[in-house]
Amino acid sequence: MFTTPEQFSAAAKSNFEAQIATLNALTSRAFESVTKIVDLNLNAAKASFEETSAATKQLLAVKDPQEFFSLTTAHTQPSAEKALAYSRSLATIASSAQAEFTKAAEEQIAEGSRKVSEFIDAVTKNAPAGSEKAVAFIKTAVDNANAGYEQFSKSAKKAGEVLQANVDTAVTQLAQTTTKATSRAKK
């Protein structure tokens, strides 16, 4: 039979280790997301620099104003499409990171709830006679906390979905605006 201080110590140690593991996993995922964003930005900057250099060379070789406007218009559409592709890539990275964080939080909450329930069950089995009301109170408090965690998780997930929908809407509106602007520029 385990004594109560030993049970508390083991539970606290287990909880601490789980939190450290979750923190390490989240840090790793955050670092991966930042790395993806940095790579995206570097690739976009490199491509932009190369395209700007080529466009500048072409524009410097222009012989008349009509050719200048024609070249300027020709470069508008690809630039707008690239900006749109960049926005979509950035939104995908952010969405993926948010989904991974939500999943990790849900796993941590589920695991923590399971461990707390196991601990309470173990303590209840060893509880002295007459402590049924205190044990029932603790179980109710834990159940309420679990319900709160679940509600928080659902709210966070819903907020992530709303954010993703807003990003998708913004990207779509940007695409429509870009398409209209380039259509007008070609006329």
C-alpha atoms as a PDB file:
ATOM      1  CA  MET A   1       0.000   0.000   0.000  1.00  0.00           C
ATOM      2  CA  PHE A   2       1.291   3.448  -0.941  1.00  0.00           C
ATOM      3  CA  THR A   3       1.223   6.273   1.498  1.00  0.00           C
ATOM      4  CA  THR A   4      -0.473   9.508   0.550  1.00  0.00           C
ATOM      5  CA  PRO A   5       2.728  11.643   0.462  1.00  0.00           C
ATOM      6  CA  GLU A   6       4.347   9.100  -1.867  1.00  0.00           C
ATOM      7  CA  GLN A   7       1.294   9.137  -4.104  1.00  0.00           C
ATOM      8  CA  PHE A   8       1.295  12.928  -4.221  1.00  0.00           C
ATOM      9  CA  SER A   9       5.005  12.984  -4.981  1.00  0.00           C
ATOM     10  CA  ALA A  10       4.681  10.433  -7.786  1.00  0.00           C
ATOM     11  CA  ALA A  11       1.701  12.266  -9.270  1.00  0.00           C
ATOM     12  CA  ALA A  12       3.477  15.623  -9.106  1.00  0.00           C
ATOM     13  CA  LYS A  13       6.598  14.168 -10.710  1.00  0.00           C
ATOM     14  CA  SER A  14       4.574  12.518 -13.465  1.00  0.00           C
ATOM     15  CA  ASN A  15       2.663  15.724 -14.130  1.00  0.00           C
ATOM     16  CA  PHE A  16       5.864  17.776 -14.237  1.00  0.00           C
ATOM     17  CA  GLU A  17       7.498  15.340 -16.661  1.00  0.00           C
ATOM     18  CA  ALA A  18       4.423  15.410 -18.905  1.00  0.00           C
ATOM     19  CA  GLN A  19       4.452  19.210 -18.933  1.00  0.00           C
ATOM     20  CA  ILE A  20       8.152  19.290 -19.819  1.00  0.00           C
ATOM     21  CA  ALA A  21       7.575  16.788 -22.648  1.00  0.00           C
ATOM     22  CA  THR A  22       4.679  18.855 -23.978  1.00  0.00           C
ATOM     23  CA  LEU A  23       6.702  22.066 -23.740  1.00  0.00           C
ATOM     24  CA  ASN A  24       9.568  20.436 -25.636  1.00  0.00           C
ATOM     25  CA  ALA A  25       7.198  19.177 -28.334  1.00  0.00           C
ATOM     26  CA  LEU A  26       5.532  22.595 -28.682  1.00  0.00           C
ATOM     27  CA  THR A  27       8.892  24.350 -28.822  1.00  0.00           C
ATOM     28  CA  SER A  28      10.044  21.970 -31.516  1.00  0.00           C
ATOM     29  CA  ARG A  29       6.863  22.541 -33.529  1.00  0.00           C
ATOM     30  CA  ALA A  30       7.167  26.307 -33.128  1.00  0.00           C
ATOM     31  CA  PHE A  31      10.784  26.172 -34.293  1.00  0.00           C
ATOM     32  CA  GLU A  32       9.752  24.100 -37.330  1.00  0.00           C
ATOM     33  CA  SER A  33       7.062  26.651 -38.202  1.00  0.00           C
ATOM     34  CA  VAL A  34       9.467  29.567 -37.847  1.00  0.00           C
ATOM     35  CA  THR A  35      11.966  27.697 -40.020  1.00  0.00           C
ATOM     36  CA  LYS A  36       9.309  27.207 -42.700  1.00  0.00           C
ATOM     37  CA  ILE A  37       8.430  30.915 -42.592  1.00  0.00           C
ATOM     38  CA  VAL A  38      12.096  31.921 -42.816  1.00  0.00           C
ATOM     39  CA  ASP A  39      12.592  29.576 -45.786  1.00  0.00           C
ATOM     40  CA  LEU A  40       9.482  30.958 -47.459  1.00  0.00           C
ATOM     41  CA  ASN A  41      10.691  34.535 -46.937  1.00  0.00           C
ATOM     42  CA  LEU A  42      14.203  33.771 -48.179  1.00  0.00           C
ATOM     43  CA  ASN A  43      12.884  32.058 -51.300  1.00  0.00           C
ATOM     44  CA  ALA A  44      10.443  34.905 -51.932  1.00  0.00           C
ATOM     45  CA  ALA A  45      13.174  37.526 -51.460  1.00  0.00           C
ATOM     46  CA  LYS A  46      15.571  35.662 -53.753  1.00  0.00           C
ATOM     47  CA  ALA A  47      12.936  35.220 -56.459  1.00  0.00           C
ATOM     48  CA  SER A  48      11.863  38.837 -56.120  1.00  0.00           C
ATOM     49  CA  PHE A  49      15.428  40.075 -56.434  1.00  0.00           C
ATOM     50  CA  GLU A  50      16.057  37.943 -59.525  1.00  0.00           C
ATOM     51  CA  GLU A  51      12.794  39.031 -61.157  1.00  0.00           C
ATOM     52  CA  THR A  52      13.389  42.682 -60.336  1.00  0.00           C
ATOM     53  CA  SER A  53      16.865  42.521 -61.834  1.00  0.00           C
ATOM     54  CA  ALA A  54      15.549  40.933 -65.021  1.00  0.00           C
ATOM     55  CA  ALA A  55      12.671  43.397 -65.263  1.00  0.00           C
ATOM     56  CA  THR A  56      14.990  46.342 -64.700  1.00  0.00           C
ATOM     57  CA  LYS A  57      17.285  45.153 -67.493  1.00  0.00           C
ATOM     58  CA  GLN A  58      14.310  44.821 -69.813  1.00  0.00           C
ATOM     59  CA  LEU A  59      12.952  48.256 -68.893  1.00  0.00           C
ATOM     60  CA  LEU A  60      16.361  49.888 -69.389  1.00  0.00           C
ATOM     61  CA  ALA A  61      16.499  48.428 -72.888  1.00  0.00           C
ATOM     62  CA  VAL A  62      13.125  49.938 -73.839  1.00  0.00           C
ATOM     63  CA  LYS A  63      13.137  52.212 -76.880  1.00  0.00           C
ATOM     64  CA  ASP A  64       9.699  53.835 -76.683  1.00  0.00           C
ATOM     65  CA  PRO A  65       6.939  54.605 -74.086  1.00  0.00           C
ATOM     66  CA  GLN A  66       4.506  52.060 -75.533  1.00  0.00           C
ATOM     67  CA  GLU A  67       6.993  49.254 -75.019  1.00  0.00           C
ATOM     68  CA  PHE A  68       7.673  50.530 -71.482  1.00  0.00           C
ATOM     69  CA  PHE A  69       3.975  50.379 -70.520  1.00  0.00           C
ATOM     70  CA  SER A  70       3.591  47.028 -72.207  1.00  0.00           C
ATOM     71  CA  LEU A  71       6.467  45.544 -70.196  1.00  0.00           C
ATOM     72  CA  THR A  72       5.195  47.120 -66.968  1.00  0.00           C
ATOM     73  CA  THR A  73       1.762  45.602 -67.488  1.00  0.00           C
ATOM     74  CA  ALA A  74       3.272  42.222 -68.365  1.00  0.00           C
ATOM     75  CA  HIS A  75       5.139  42.141 -65.059  1.00  0.00           C
ATOM     76  CA  THR A  76       2.099  43.120 -62.983  1.00  0.00           C
ATOM     77  CA  GLN A  77       0.162  39.836 -63.345  1.00  0.00           C
ATOM     78  CA  PRO A  78       2.994  37.458 -62.376  1.00  0.00           C
ATOM     79  CA  SER A  79       3.924  39.643 -59.390  1.00  0.00           C
ATOM     80  CA  ALA A  80       0.351  39.675 -58.132  1.00  0.00           C
ATOM     81  CA  GLU A  81       0.072  35.907 -58.567  1.00  0.00           C
ATOM     82  CA  LYS A  82       3.308  35.391 -56.654  1.00  0.00           C
ATOM     83  CA  ALA A  83       2.105  37.641 -53.835  1.00  0.00           C
ATOM     84  CA  LEU A  84      -1.082  35.605 -53.690  1.00  0.00           C
ATOM     85  CA  ALA A  85       0.878  32.315 -53.653  1.00  0.00           C
ATOM     86  CA  TYR A  86       3.073  33.705 -50.865  1.00  0.00           C
ATOM     87  CA  SER A  87      -0.008  34.655 -48.831  1.00  0.00           C
ATOM     88  CA  ARG A  88      -1.474  31.195 -49.287  1.00  0.00           C
ATOM     89  CA  SER A  89       1.786  29.525 -48.261  1.00  0.00           C
ATOM     90  CA  LEU A  90       2.028  31.699 -45.181  1.00  0.00           C
ATOM     91  CA  ALA A  91      -1.590  30.933 -44.273  1.00  0.00           C
ATOM     92  CA  THR A  92      -0.936  27.205 -44.701  1.00  0.00           C
ATOM     93  CA  ILE A  93       2.068  27.338 -42.381  1.00  0.00           C
ATOM     94  CA  ALA A  94       0.103  29.278 -39.753  1.00  0.00           C
ATOM     95  CA  SER A  95      -2.869  26.938 -40.025  1.00  0.00           C
ATOM     96  CA  SER A  96      -0.665  23.880 -39.702  1.00  0.00           C
ATOM     97  CA  ALA A  97       1.097  25.295 -36.648  1.00  0.00           C
ATOM     98  CA  GLN A  98      -2.227  26.181 -35.026  1.00  0.00           C
ATOM     99  CA  ALA A  99      -3.550  22.667 -35.662  1.00  0.00           C
ATOM    100  CA  GLU A 100      -0.433  21.095 -34.154  1.00  0.00           C
ATOM    101  CA  PHE A 101      -0.622  23.308 -31.062  1.00  0.00           C
ATOM    102  CA  THR A 102      -4.310  22.514 -30.613  1.00  0.00           C
ATOM    103  CA  LYS A 103      -3.656  18.793 -30.967  1.00  0.00           C
ATOM    104  CA  ALA A 104      -0.813  18.907 -28.445  1.00  0.00           C
ATOM    105  CA  ALA A 105      -2.953  20.852 -25.970  1.00  0.00           C
ATOM    106  CA  GLU A 106      -5.824  18.390 -26.344  1.00  0.00           C
ATOM    107  CA  GLU A 107      -3.470  15.450 -25.808  1.00  0.00           C
ATOM    108  CA  GLN A 108      -1.965  17.090 -22.722  1.00  0.00           C
ATOM    109  CA  ILE A 109      -5.383  17.825 -21.263  1.00  0.00           C
ATOM    110  CA  ALA A 110      -6.590  14.275 -21.917  1.00  0.00           C
ATOM    111  CA  GLU A 111      -3.463  12.748 -20.415  1.00  0.00           C
ATOM    112  CA  GLY A 112      -3.598  15.061 -17.399  1.00  0.00           C
ATOM    113  CA  SER A 113      -7.256  14.232 -16.828  1.00  0.00           C
ATOM    114  CA  ARG A 114      -6.527  10.533 -17.039  1.00  0.00           C
ATOM    115  CA  LYS A 115      -3.666  10.777 -14.531  1.00  0.00           C
ATOM    116  CA  VAL A 116      -5.695  12.871 -12.110  1.00  0.00           C
ATOM    117  CA  SER A 117      -8.562  10.377 -12.295  1.00  0.00           C
ATOM    118  CA  GLU A 118      -6.168   7.483 -11.653  1.00  0.00           C
ATOM    119  CA  PHE A 119      -4.648   9.342  -8.739  1.00  0.00           C
ATOM    120  CA  ILE A 120      -8.030  10.124  -7.212  1.00  0.00           C
ATOM    121  CA  ASP A 121      -9.102   6.510  -7.625  1.00  0.00           C
ATOM    122  CA  ALA A 122      -5.935   5.350  -5.879  1.00  0.00           C
ATOM    123  CA  VAL A 123      -6.391   7.864  -3.068  1.00  0.00           C
ATOM    124  CA  THR A 124     -10.063   6.911  -2.698  1.00  0.00           C
ATOM    125  CA  LYS A 125      -9.214   3.268  -2.252  1.00  0.00           C
ATOM    126  CA  ASN A 126      -6.893   4.160   0.607  1.00  0.00           C
ATOM    127  CA  ALA A 127      -9.057   6.891   2.105  1.00  0.00           C
ATOM    128  CA  PRO A 128     -10.050   6.444   5.725  1.00  0.00           C
ATOM    129  CA  ALA A 129     -13.628   5.637   6.611  1.00  0.00           C
ATOM    130  CA  GLY A 130     -15.900   8.693   6.858  1.00  0.00           C
ATOM    131  CA  SER A 131     -14.111  10.667   4.166  1.00  0.00           C
ATOM    132  CA  GLU A 132     -16.630   9.823   1.445  1.00  0.00           C
ATOM    133  CA  LYS A 133     -17.960  13.395   1.281  1.00  0.00           C
ATOM    134  CA  ALA A 134     -14.480  14.843   0.872  1.00  0.00           C
ATOM    135  CA  VAL A 135     -13.655  12.303  -1.831  1.00  0.00           C
ATOM    136  CA  ALA A 136     -16.937  13.052  -3.625  1.00  0.00           C
ATOM    137  CA  PHE A 137     -16.150  16.774  -3.421  1.00  0.00           C
ATOM    138  CA  ILE A 138     -12.696  16.221  -4.934  1.00  0.00           C
ATOM    139  CA  LYS A 139     -14.122  14.054  -7.717  1.00  0.00           C
ATOM    140  CA  THR A 140     -16.729  16.712  -8.504  1.00  0.00           C
ATOM    141  CA  ALA A 141     -14.059  19.420  -8.562  1.00  0.00           C
ATOM    142  CA  VAL A 142     -11.907  17.346 -10.920  1.00  0.00           C
ATOM    143  CA  ASP A 143     -14.883  16.588 -13.172  1.00  0.00           C
ATOM    144  CA  ASN A 144     -15.731  20.305 -13.289  1.00  0.00           C
ATOM    145  CA  ALA A 145     -12.113  21.181 -14.092  1.00  0.00           C
ATOM    146  CA  ASN A 146     -12.085  18.582 -16.879  1.00  0.00           C
ATOM    147  CA  ALA A 147     -15.310  20.018 -18.280  1.00  0.00           C
ATOM    148  CA  GLY A 148     -13.724  23.478 -18.171  1.00  0.00           C
ATOM    149  CA  TYR A 149     -10.628  22.214 -19.984  1.00  0.00           C
ATOM    150  CA  GLU A 150     -12.786  20.577 -22.638  1.00  0.00           C
ATOM    151  CA  GLN A 151     -14.764  23.788 -23.119  1.00  0.00           C
ATOM    152  CA  PHE A 152     -11.541  25.776 -23.342  1.00  0.00           C
ATOM    153  CA  SER A 153     -10.211  23.312 -25.925  1.00  0.00           C
ATOM    154  CA  LYS A 154     -13.395  23.572 -27.987  1.00  0.00           C
ATOM    155  CA  SER A 155     -13.289  27.372 -27.797  1.00  0.00           C
ATOM    156  CA  ALA A 156      -9.635  27.462 -28.841  1.00  0.00           C
ATOM    157  CA  LYS A 157     -10.354  25.120 -31.732  1.00  0.00           C
ATOM    158  CA  LYS A 158     -13.309  27.254 -32.821  1.00  0.00           C
ATOM    159  CA  ALA A 159     -11.164  30.398 -32.606  1.00  0.00           C
ATOM    160  CA  GLY A 160      -8.555  28.713 -34.793  1.00  0.00           C
ATOM    161  CA  GLU A 161     -11.207  27.772 -37.336  1.00  0.00           C
ATOM    162  CA  VAL A 162     -12.538  31.346 -37.388  1.00  0.00           C
ATOM    163  CA  LEU A 163      -9.000  32.685 -37.822  1.00  0.00           C
ATOM    164  CA  GLN A 164      -8.380  30.272 -40.683  1.00  0.00           C
ATOM    165  CA  ALA A 165     -11.671  31.252 -42.323  1.00  0.00           C
ATOM    166  CA  ASN A 166     -10.728  34.934 -42.017  1.00  0.00           C
ATOM    167  CA  VAL A 167      -7.300  34.292 -43.549  1.00  0.00           C
ATOM    168  CA  ASP A 168      -8.899  32.309 -46.386  1.00  0.00           C
ATOM    169  CA  THR A 169     -11.368  35.134 -46.992  1.00  0.00           C
ATOM    170  CA  ALA A 170      -8.587  37.724 -47.011  1.00  0.00           C
ATOM    171  CA  VAL A 171      -6.535  35.672 -49.466  1.00  0.00           C
ATOM    172  CA  THR A 172      -9.583  35.202 -51.707  1.00  0.00           C
ATOM    173  CA  GLN A 173     -10.347  38.925 -51.633  1.00  0.00           C
ATOM    174  CA  LEU A 174      -6.712  39.695 -52.412  1.00  0.00           C
ATOM    175  CA  ALA A 175      -6.875  37.303 -55.370  1.00  0.00           C
ATOM    176  CA  GLN A 176     -10.049  38.921 -56.673  1.00  0.00           C
ATOM    177  CA  THR A 177      -8.652  42.426 -56.266  1.00  0.00           C
ATOM    178  CA  THR A 178      -5.413  41.429 -57.949  1.00  0.00           C
ATOM    179  CA  THR A 179      -7.232  39.817 -60.842  1.00  0.00           C
ATOM    180  CA  LYS A 180      -9.413  42.909 -61.338  1.00  0.00           C
ATOM    181  CA  ALA A 181      -6.428  45.256 -61.137  1.00  0.00           C
ATOM    182  CA  THR A 182      -4.364  43.303 -63.617  1.00  0.00           C
ATOM    183  CA  SER A 183      -7.336  42.995 -65.970  1.00  0.00           C
ATOM    184  CA  ARG A 184      -7.755  46.764 -65.909  1.00  0.00           C
ATOM    185  CA  ALA A 185      -4.030  47.288 -66.425  1.00  0.00           C
ATOM    186  CA  LYS A 186      -4.069  45.116 -69.552  1.00  0.00           C
ATOM    187  CA  LYS A 187      -6.910  47.160 -71.104  1.00  0.00           C
END
